[in-house]
Protein backbone atom coordinates (compact mmCIF):
# COMPACT_ATOMS: atom_id res chain seq x y z
CA MET A 1 -112.36 -29.44 38.69
CA GLN A 2 -116.10 -29.81 38.31
CA PHE A 3 -118.60 -32.69 38.32
CA ASN A 4 -121.40 -33.69 35.98
CA THR A 5 -124.02 -36.43 36.03
CA PHE A 6 -127.00 -37.85 34.15
CA VAL A 7 -130.49 -36.61 35.02
CA ALA A 8 -133.97 -37.86 34.15
CA SER A 9 -136.35 -35.87 36.36
CA ILE A 10 -137.01 -32.49 37.95
CA SER A 11 -135.96 -33.98 41.29
CA ASP A 12 -132.60 -34.86 39.78
CA ILE A 13 -132.21 -31.28 38.56
CA GLU A 14 -133.01 -29.90 42.02
CA ARG A 15 -130.44 -32.12 43.71
CA CYS A 16 -127.82 -31.19 41.11
CA ALA A 17 -128.50 -27.49 41.67
CA ASN A 18 -127.66 -28.01 45.36
CA ALA A 19 -124.57 -30.13 44.73
CA ALA A 20 -121.10 -28.68 45.26
CA ASN A 21 -118.98 -28.19 42.13
CA LEU A 22 -121.66 -29.72 39.89
CA HIS A 23 -122.35 -27.34 37.03
CA GLU A 24 -123.48 -29.61 34.18
CA VAL A 25 -126.19 -32.24 33.60
CA LEU A 26 -126.37 -34.88 30.88
CA LEU A 27 -129.70 -35.52 29.11
CA GLU A 28 -130.30 -38.79 27.26
CA PRO A 29 -133.17 -38.90 24.74
CA ALA A 30 -134.32 -42.34 23.60
CA LEU A 31 -133.81 -41.22 20.01
CA LEU A 32 -130.15 -40.29 20.30
CA ALA A 33 -128.60 -41.93 23.39
CA ARG A 34 -127.66 -45.57 23.69
CA GLN A 35 -129.08 -45.84 27.21
CA GLY A 36 -131.62 -43.05 26.76
CA LYS A 37 -135.23 -43.26 27.95
CA LEU A 38 -136.38 -39.64 27.71
CA SER A 39 -138.83 -38.31 25.15
CA GLU A 40 -138.05 -35.25 23.08
CA GLU A 41 -140.47 -33.18 25.15
CA LYS A 42 -138.97 -34.36 28.44
CA VAL A 43 -135.44 -33.57 27.28
CA HIS A 44 -136.37 -30.01 26.33
CA LEU A 45 -138.26 -29.54 29.60
CA LEU A 46 -135.30 -30.72 31.68
CA ALA A 47 -132.90 -28.57 29.67
CA ALA A 48 -135.00 -25.49 30.42
CA GLU A 49 -135.25 -26.40 34.12
CA ALA A 50 -131.49 -26.93 34.30
CA ARG A 51 -130.78 -23.50 32.83
CA ASN A 52 -133.26 -21.92 35.23
CA ARG A 53 -131.20 -23.34 38.10
CA GLY A 54 -127.84 -22.24 36.72
CA LEU A 55 -126.82 -25.62 35.29
CA ARG A 56 -125.46 -26.40 31.82
CA PRO A 57 -127.72 -28.89 29.98
CA VAL A 58 -125.73 -31.17 27.66
CA LEU A 59 -127.45 -33.34 25.05
CA VAL A 60 -126.10 -36.89 24.81
CA TRP A 61 -126.01 -38.18 21.20
CA ASP A 62 -123.82 -41.26 21.54
CA VAL A 63 -125.57 -43.77 19.27
CA LEU A 64 -123.87 -45.36 16.27
CA MET A 65 -126.53 -45.46 13.56
CA PRO A 66 -126.66 -46.97 10.06
CA GLU A 67 -126.55 -44.34 7.32
CA ARG A 68 -130.23 -44.64 6.41
CA VAL A 69 -131.26 -44.19 10.05
CA MET A 70 -128.90 -41.27 10.57
CA ARG A 71 -130.34 -39.44 7.56
CA GLY A 72 -133.86 -39.77 8.96
CA VAL A 73 -132.79 -38.74 12.45
CA CYS A 74 -130.83 -35.73 11.22
CA ASP A 75 -133.78 -34.56 9.11
CA ARG A 76 -135.97 -34.80 12.19
CA ILE A 77 -133.46 -32.91 14.31
CA LEU A 78 -133.36 -30.08 11.77
CA GLN A 79 -137.15 -29.87 11.52
CA GLN A 80 -138.36 -30.47 15.08
CA TRP A 81 -135.60 -30.03 17.65
CA ASN A 82 -134.34 -26.83 19.22
CA LEU A 83 -130.69 -27.65 19.81
CA ASN A 84 -129.98 -24.12 20.98
CA CYS A 85 -131.53 -24.98 24.35
CA PHE A 86 -128.43 -27.13 25.05
CA ASP A 87 -125.10 -25.66 26.07
CA ALA A 88 -123.19 -28.52 24.41
CA ILE A 89 -123.73 -31.81 22.61
CA ARG A 90 -121.64 -34.90 23.35
CA VAL A 91 -121.15 -37.41 20.56
CA CYS A 92 -119.35 -40.67 19.95
CA ASP A 93 -119.63 -41.00 16.17
CA PRO A 94 -117.23 -38.68 14.26
CA GLY A 95 -119.81 -38.60 11.46
CA VAL A 96 -122.41 -37.15 13.81
CA ALA A 97 -119.83 -34.69 15.14
CA TYR A 98 -119.06 -33.52 11.61
CA TRP A 99 -122.78 -33.15 10.79
CA LEU A 100 -123.20 -30.98 13.88
CA LEU A 101 -120.10 -29.00 12.97
CA VAL A 102 -121.62 -28.22 9.57
CA HIS A 103 -125.20 -27.48 10.67
CA PHE A 104 -124.71 -26.13 14.22
CA PRO A 105 -121.14 -24.78 14.37
CA GLU A 106 -122.09 -22.46 17.24
CA ILE A 107 -122.90 -25.36 19.63
CA PRO A 108 -119.86 -26.73 21.51
CA LEU A 109 -119.01 -30.40 20.98
CA GLN A 110 -117.90 -32.92 23.58
CA LEU A 111 -116.30 -35.89 21.81
CA ILE A 112 -116.47 -39.30 23.53
CA VAL A 113 -113.18 -41.12 22.92
CA GLU A 114 -113.59 -43.86 25.51
CA THR A 115 -113.38 -46.64 22.91
CA GLY A 116 -110.21 -46.55 20.83
CA ASN A 117 -108.32 -43.28 20.32
CA HIS A 118 -106.14 -43.98 23.35
CA ASN A 119 -102.93 -42.47 21.98
CA LEU A 120 -102.08 -38.80 22.19
CA GLU A 121 -101.50 -38.40 18.46
CA SER A 122 -105.04 -39.48 17.57
CA LEU A 123 -106.54 -37.24 20.26
CA LEU A 124 -104.56 -34.27 18.99
CA GLY A 125 -105.86 -35.11 15.52
CA TRP A 126 -109.48 -34.86 16.68
CA CYS A 127 -108.70 -31.58 18.41
CA GLU A 128 -107.35 -30.20 15.16
CA PHE A 129 -110.18 -31.56 13.00
CA PHE A 130 -112.96 -30.20 15.21
CA SER A 131 -111.10 -27.09 16.32
CA GLY A 132 -113.40 -24.18 16.94
CA SER A 133 -116.31 -26.36 18.12
CA LEU A 134 -114.61 -28.99 20.30
CA GLU A 135 -114.69 -28.03 23.98
CA ARG A 136 -113.95 -31.36 25.64
CA LEU A 137 -112.67 -34.91 25.18
CA VAL A 138 -114.26 -37.69 27.26
CA LEU A 139 -111.29 -39.96 27.99
CA SER A 140 -111.24 -43.70 28.64
CA ILE A 141 -110.89 -45.29 32.07
CA GLU A 142 -108.47 -47.72 30.40
CA LEU A 143 -105.81 -45.03 30.48
CA PRO A 144 -103.65 -45.29 33.62
CA GLU A 145 -103.14 -42.27 35.86
CA GLU A 146 -99.73 -41.48 34.36
CA LYS A 147 -101.21 -41.21 30.85
CA LEU A 148 -104.23 -39.25 32.04
CA ILE A 149 -101.96 -36.67 33.65
CA GLU A 150 -99.89 -36.43 30.47
CA TYR A 151 -102.98 -36.01 28.28
CA CYS A 152 -104.60 -33.41 30.53
CA GLN A 153 -101.44 -31.33 30.29
CA ALA A 154 -100.83 -31.85 26.57
CA LEU A 155 -104.29 -31.59 25.01
CA PRO A 156 -105.54 -28.13 23.98
CA VAL A 157 -109.11 -28.83 25.16
CA ALA A 158 -110.67 -29.76 28.50
CA CYS A 159 -110.73 -33.43 29.53
CA GLU A 160 -113.39 -35.49 31.30
CA LEU A 161 -113.11 -38.85 33.05
CA LEU A 162 -115.55 -41.25 34.70
CA GLY A 163 -115.13 -40.96 38.46
CA VAL A 164 -117.75 -43.49 39.51
CA GLY A 165 -120.10 -45.69 37.54
CA GLN A 166 -120.46 -48.98 35.75
CA ILE A 167 -117.57 -50.49 33.78
CA LEU A 168 -118.69 -51.50 30.29
CA LEU A 169 -117.33 -54.91 29.32
CA PHE A 170 -119.18 -55.45 26.06
CA TYR A 171 -121.44 -53.55 23.69
CA SER A 172 -123.16 -54.70 20.51
CA PRO A 173 -125.67 -52.75 18.42
CA ARG A 174 -127.51 -56.06 17.98
CA SER A 175 -130.47 -57.27 20.00
CA LEU A 176 -129.18 -60.14 22.12
CA LEU A 177 -131.70 -60.39 24.97
CA VAL A 178 -135.19 -59.86 23.58
CA GLU A 179 -135.03 -62.93 21.34
CA HIS A 180 -134.33 -65.19 24.30
CA LEU A 181 -137.06 -63.58 26.37
CA ALA A 182 -139.59 -63.20 23.56
CA GLY A 183 -142.04 -65.56 25.23
CA GLU A 184 -141.97 -63.68 28.52
CA GLN A 185 -143.75 -60.50 29.62
CA VAL A 186 -141.08 -57.82 29.68
CA THR A 187 -141.96 -54.41 31.11
CA PRO A 188 -139.32 -51.77 30.45
CA GLY A 189 -138.91 -48.49 32.24
CA ALA A 190 -141.71 -46.76 30.36
CA GLY A 191 -144.16 -49.41 31.57
CA GLU A 192 -144.99 -50.79 28.13
CA GLN A 193 -144.60 -54.37 27.03
CA VAL A 194 -141.76 -54.96 24.60
CA SER A 195 -142.60 -56.87 21.47
CA ARG A 196 -140.24 -58.47 19.00
CA GLY A 197 -141.81 -56.38 16.27
CA GLU A 198 -140.62 -53.13 17.79
CA GLU A 199 -137.03 -54.31 17.67
CA ASP A 200 -137.31 -55.65 14.13
CA ASN A 201 -138.63 -52.30 12.92
CA PHE A 202 -135.66 -50.51 14.58
CA ASN A 203 -137.93 -48.00 16.28
CA LEU A 204 -135.40 -45.62 17.82
CA GLU A 205 -137.97 -44.30 20.28
CA SER A 206 -139.06 -47.72 21.43
CA PRO A 207 -139.47 -47.86 25.21
CA LEU A 208 -137.27 -50.95 25.23
CA TYR A 209 -135.09 -50.93 28.34
CA LEU A 210 -134.57 -54.55 29.30
CA GLU A 211 -132.34 -55.26 32.31
CA ALA A 212 -131.08 -58.74 33.12
CA THR A 213 -128.04 -60.53 34.51
CA ALA A 214 -125.73 -62.89 32.66
CA ALA A 215 -123.49 -65.64 33.98
CA PHE A 216 -120.94 -67.97 32.45
CA ALA A 217 -121.07 -71.74 32.72
CA ASP A 218 -117.69 -71.90 34.47
CA ASN A 219 -118.71 -69.23 37.01
CA PRO A 220 -122.49 -69.43 37.43
CA ASN A 221 -122.57 -67.54 40.73
CA ARG A 222 -121.12 -64.33 39.28
CA HIS A 223 -123.94 -62.27 37.76
CA LEU A 224 -122.99 -59.52 35.32
CA PRO A 225 -125.53 -56.71 34.79
CA THR A 226 -126.81 -56.74 31.21
CA LEU A 227 -128.97 -54.17 29.46
CA GLU A 228 -130.72 -54.00 26.12
CA THR A 229 -132.19 -50.85 24.62
CA ALA A 230 -133.41 -49.99 21.14
CA HIS A 231 -129.76 -49.23 20.30
CA GLY A 232 -128.13 -52.49 21.36
CA THR A 233 -126.97 -54.70 24.20
CA PHE A 234 -124.57 -53.85 27.02
CA MET A 235 -122.78 -56.01 29.58
CA PHE A 236 -121.15 -54.46 32.65
CA LEU A 237 -118.74 -55.60 35.33
CA ASP A 238 -120.43 -56.47 38.62
CA LYS A 239 -118.24 -53.88 40.38
CA ASP A 240 -118.22 -50.10 39.92
CA GLN A 241 -115.38 -47.93 38.69
CA PHE A 242 -114.40 -45.68 41.61
CA ILE A 243 -111.54 -43.18 41.64
CA LEU A 244 -113.16 -40.39 43.67
CA ASP A 245 -110.56 -40.87 46.38
CA LYS A 246 -107.66 -40.65 43.87
CA LEU A 247 -108.31 -37.32 42.14
CA ASP A 248 -105.63 -35.07 43.65
CA ALA A 249 -102.96 -35.65 41.00
CA LEU A 250 -105.47 -35.40 38.17
CA GLN A 251 -106.86 -32.18 39.57
CA ALA A 252 -103.34 -30.76 39.79
CA ALA A 253 -102.78 -31.79 36.15
CA GLY A 254 -105.84 -29.85 35.05
CA LEU A 255 -108.57 -32.49 34.68
CA HIS A 256 -111.66 -30.41 33.96
CA THR A 257 -114.64 -32.69 34.69
CA VAL A 258 -115.30 -35.86 36.67
CA ARG A 259 -118.43 -37.74 35.63
CA LEU A 260 -120.60 -39.30 38.33
CA ASP A 261 -122.70 -41.98 36.62
CA LEU A 262 -125.45 -43.19 38.96
CA ARG A 263 -127.89 -44.46 36.35
CA HIS A 264 -127.63 -48.06 37.53
CA LEU A 265 -128.70 -46.92 41.02
CA GLU A 266 -131.96 -45.46 39.70
CA GLN A 267 -134.87 -45.10 42.11
CA GLN A 268 -138.41 -44.42 40.87
CA GLY A 269 -137.25 -42.62 37.75
CA ASP A 270 -134.49 -40.58 39.42
CA VAL A 271 -130.96 -41.30 38.18
CA ALA A 272 -129.06 -38.77 40.30
CA VAL A 273 -130.13 -40.02 43.71
CA ASP A 274 -128.18 -38.40 46.57
CA ILE A 275 -125.91 -36.59 44.09
CA ASP A 276 -125.75 -33.55 46.39
CA ILE A 277 -124.57 -35.72 49.30
CA ILE A 278 -122.06 -37.56 47.10
CA CYS A 279 -120.51 -34.34 45.78
CA GLY A 280 -120.11 -33.08 49.33
CA LYS A 281 -118.43 -36.30 50.39
CA ILE A 282 -116.02 -36.18 47.44
CA LEU A 283 -114.76 -32.84 48.66
CA SER A 284 -114.71 -33.68 52.37
CA ASP A 285 -114.18 -37.42 52.88
CA PRO A 286 -113.90 -39.47 49.66
CA ALA A 287 -112.38 -42.46 51.48
CA SER A 288 -115.53 -42.98 53.53
CA LEU A 289 -117.59 -42.61 50.37
CA ARG A 290 -115.80 -45.62 48.90
CA VAL A 291 -116.23 -47.66 52.08
CA ASN A 292 -119.96 -46.96 52.18
CA TRP A 293 -120.62 -47.30 48.45
CA SER A 294 -123.60 -49.53 47.71
CA ARG A 295 -121.63 -51.80 45.34
CA GLU A 296 -118.14 -53.24 45.31
CA THR A 297 -115.67 -50.82 43.77
CA ARG A 298 -112.58 -51.15 41.60
CA ALA A 299 -110.21 -49.01 39.56
CA PRO A 300 -108.78 -51.76 37.31
CA PHE A 301 -106.70 -49.58 34.99
CA PHE A 302 -105.91 -46.54 37.12
CA LYS A 303 -102.45 -47.52 38.35
CA ALA A 304 -101.49 -49.59 35.32
CA ASN A 305 -103.19 -51.07 32.28
CA ARG A 306 -101.96 -54.65 32.21
CA THR A 307 -104.20 -55.88 29.39
CA THR A 308 -101.10 -56.42 27.23
CA ALA A 309 -99.25 -58.44 29.86
CA LEU A 310 -100.30 -61.73 28.27
CA PHE A 311 -99.11 -60.78 24.78
CA PRO A 312 -95.64 -62.32 25.22
CA ARG A 313 -97.25 -65.60 26.28
CA MET A 314 -99.56 -65.52 23.27
CA LYS A 315 -96.69 -64.82 20.90
CA SER A 316 -95.53 -67.67 18.69
CA LYS A 317 -92.48 -69.39 20.16
CA VAL A 318 -90.73 -69.51 16.77
CA THR A 319 -90.52 -65.73 16.29
CA ASP A 320 -87.09 -65.54 17.89
CA TYR A 321 -85.81 -68.22 15.51
CA ARG A 322 -86.43 -66.14 12.38
CA ASN A 323 -82.76 -65.30 12.01
CA ASP A 324 -79.79 -66.42 9.95
CA ALA A 325 -80.22 -69.97 11.24
CA CYS A 326 -83.74 -70.23 9.79
CA LEU A 327 -83.69 -72.08 6.46
CA ALA A 328 -87.34 -72.70 5.54
CA GLU A 329 -90.91 -72.56 6.84
CA VAL A 330 -93.68 -75.14 6.65
CA LEU A 331 -96.53 -73.79 4.52
CA ALA A 332 -98.89 -76.78 4.49
CA GLY A 333 -99.12 -80.49 4.89
CA GLU A 334 -101.46 -83.45 4.92
CA GLY A 335 -101.08 -86.08 7.62
CA GLY A 336 -99.39 -89.22 6.41
CA LYS A 337 -98.77 -87.82 2.91
CA TYR A 338 -96.59 -84.73 2.49
CA VAL A 339 -95.20 -81.47 3.90
CA VAL A 340 -94.66 -78.28 1.85
CA PHE A 341 -91.78 -75.89 2.69
CA TYR A 342 -90.91 -72.38 1.54
CA THR A 343 -87.19 -71.64 1.64
CA MET A 344 -85.90 -68.46 3.26
CA ARG A 345 -82.34 -68.60 1.83
CA PRO A 346 -80.09 -70.88 -0.21
CA PHE A 347 -78.89 -73.94 1.69
CA GLU A 348 -77.85 -77.54 1.33
CA VAL A 349 -79.93 -80.33 2.80
CA SER A 350 -76.91 -81.45 4.82
CA GLN A 351 -77.08 -78.14 6.74
CA ILE A 352 -80.47 -78.96 8.28
CA LYS A 353 -80.18 -79.48 12.01
CA SER A 354 -83.75 -79.66 13.30
CA MET A 355 -87.28 -78.30 13.03
CA ILE A 356 -88.91 -76.05 15.62
CA MET A 357 -92.69 -76.14 16.20
CA PRO A 358 -94.84 -73.03 16.90
CA THR A 359 -95.17 -74.41 20.45
CA GLY A 360 -91.41 -74.15 20.90
CA GLU A 361 -90.80 -77.90 20.70
CA GLU A 362 -87.73 -78.83 18.68
CA ILE A 363 -87.57 -82.14 16.80
CA LYS A 364 -85.02 -83.95 14.64
CA LEU A 365 -85.94 -84.75 11.05
CA PRO A 366 -86.07 -88.43 10.04
CA GLN A 367 -82.75 -89.60 8.60
CA ASP A 368 -84.40 -90.86 5.41
CA VAL A 369 -86.25 -87.65 4.65
CA SER A 370 -85.76 -86.40 1.09
CA PHE A 371 -86.55 -83.01 -0.40
CA ARG A 372 -88.07 -82.65 -3.88
CA ASN A 373 -88.84 -79.67 -6.07
CA LEU A 374 -92.19 -79.05 -7.78
CA ASN A 375 -91.13 -81.32 -10.64
CA GLY A 376 -90.66 -84.16 -8.19
CA ASP A 377 -86.89 -84.21 -8.61
CA ARG A 378 -84.87 -85.01 -5.52
CA ILE A 379 -82.48 -82.18 -4.57
CA ILE A 380 -79.54 -81.77 -2.21
CA ALA A 381 -79.30 -77.95 -2.50
CA CYS A 382 -81.96 -75.30 -2.97
CA GLU A 383 -82.36 -71.62 -3.71
CA SER A 384 -84.08 -68.85 -1.79
CA GLU A 385 -87.86 -68.51 -2.17
CA GLN A 386 -88.25 -72.05 -3.51
CA ILE A 387 -91.08 -74.50 -2.81
CA LEU A 388 -89.96 -77.90 -1.53
CA VAL A 389 -91.96 -81.05 -0.78
CA THR A 390 -91.10 -83.98 1.50
CA ASP A 391 -92.87 -87.08 2.67
CA TRP A 392 -94.94 -86.64 5.83
CA ILE A 393 -92.96 -85.56 8.91
CA LYS A 394 -94.66 -86.27 12.21
CA LYS A 395 -95.73 -83.16 14.15
CA ALA A 396 -94.98 -80.79 11.23
CA VAL A 397 -97.58 -78.00 11.12
CA PRO A 398 -97.76 -74.71 9.22
CA GLY A 399 -95.45 -72.15 10.80
CA SER A 400 -92.81 -74.68 11.83
CA LEU A 401 -89.25 -73.66 10.87
CA LEU A 402 -86.27 -75.61 9.54
CA LEU A 403 -83.11 -74.65 11.43
CA GLY A 404 -79.58 -74.95 10.13
CA GLY A 405 -76.53 -76.19 11.91
C-alpha cells in the first residue's frame, strides 16, 4: 500500500521525496482542477521536479465543463501542453476520460468515482469501457469498510481511497459566494483582487480562490468551511475524514493507494506540510497521529453507511395497504366541494370500510356519502379503473386509499 498527496511547491516535492511509502504526487492546474491554483508553467515545472526525485507526477483534471468550454480547453491541451511529462491523469468526467483515451491512449487514466458509481456492477463497467488505459479507480468514502474490501478484491484495477482530508458536503458549479461578497475586497491565493467580471466571463484560469465559512440559522455557532473557485462552490464538514488508524484490513484486501489530502492545512503556498512526518507516523503510530491531528476527526461511513436508515420513516404509510383490501385511491379534491377517486378493482359501495390517509390515520366515511360516475349518475357498484366523484370528505388528500371490509 502506498500514499499520495497534493503538491503546490518545490518544498512539497522535497518533503514527499523523503516520505515513507509515498511514490506519487497530484498536481492541480487552475485550468483543469476544481480546486486548482497552479499555472500551466508551474505544473510542468513541478512534474519535472517530481520525476527528478523519483516520484510519479499525476495531472488532476477533475472539472466538469460545458461542451463549449471543453472544446476550447481540449484544443489548448493539444496545442500547448506536454501531457507526456505526467505518469497518469486523473479525471472525473467520463467524457474527458474518453477524449484522453482517444488522443493519448498511452497515458494511464485514474478515474474518480467518488460521486455515484457506488455499486460493483457500474465500477466493473468502467473498467471494461476504459480497459487498456485505466490503472486505478478512486473510490468514495461513503462505502463502508466491508464494501471497500469486497471491491478491492473484485475489481481488476488498483483502488484508491481518501485516508485523511476534508469531507465534501456540497458542490455546485455555480458561483455562490462572490455575488454576496461583491462589494468587499477579496484577495485570493494568487494575491489578485477578484472581480465579478472574471466570474461572469468564466475565465478558467482566474485566480479566484475564495475561502469563507457558512453557518445555518438553527446552528449559528457551527462554521462549515466553504470555498469558491473559478469552477464552482464547495462546502465541507468542519471535521476531517480520518481512517489512517484503520487501514490493516484494507491493506490485506489489496488497497493500492491511500490519499493524504492536506490542502486545507496550507501554509505559505505549501499544501503538503509535514507530509514526511505524517507518513512515518502512519506506519509507526497512527493512533497518536489521530489524537494529535490539528482538527477534529471522523470516519462517518467507514463502519456502516446509515444514510438510508431514515427511508422507512419517509415512506408513505399507505404503501402496505395496497393489497386486496384496497378499493380505490384519491386522485384529487377541492376543499368543501368534491373528491375524485380512481378504482383499483370492482366493488360495491357497501363494501367500503374506511379510508386511510398517507399519514397512516384511518377515518370512517360519512354515512351519507354518495358515489357518482363522470355522468353524475349515482352508483352502488363500480368497475376497475373507473373515475368516481363524491362530495367533499374531510381530511381526504391525494394518495389516500379506500379500504374494503
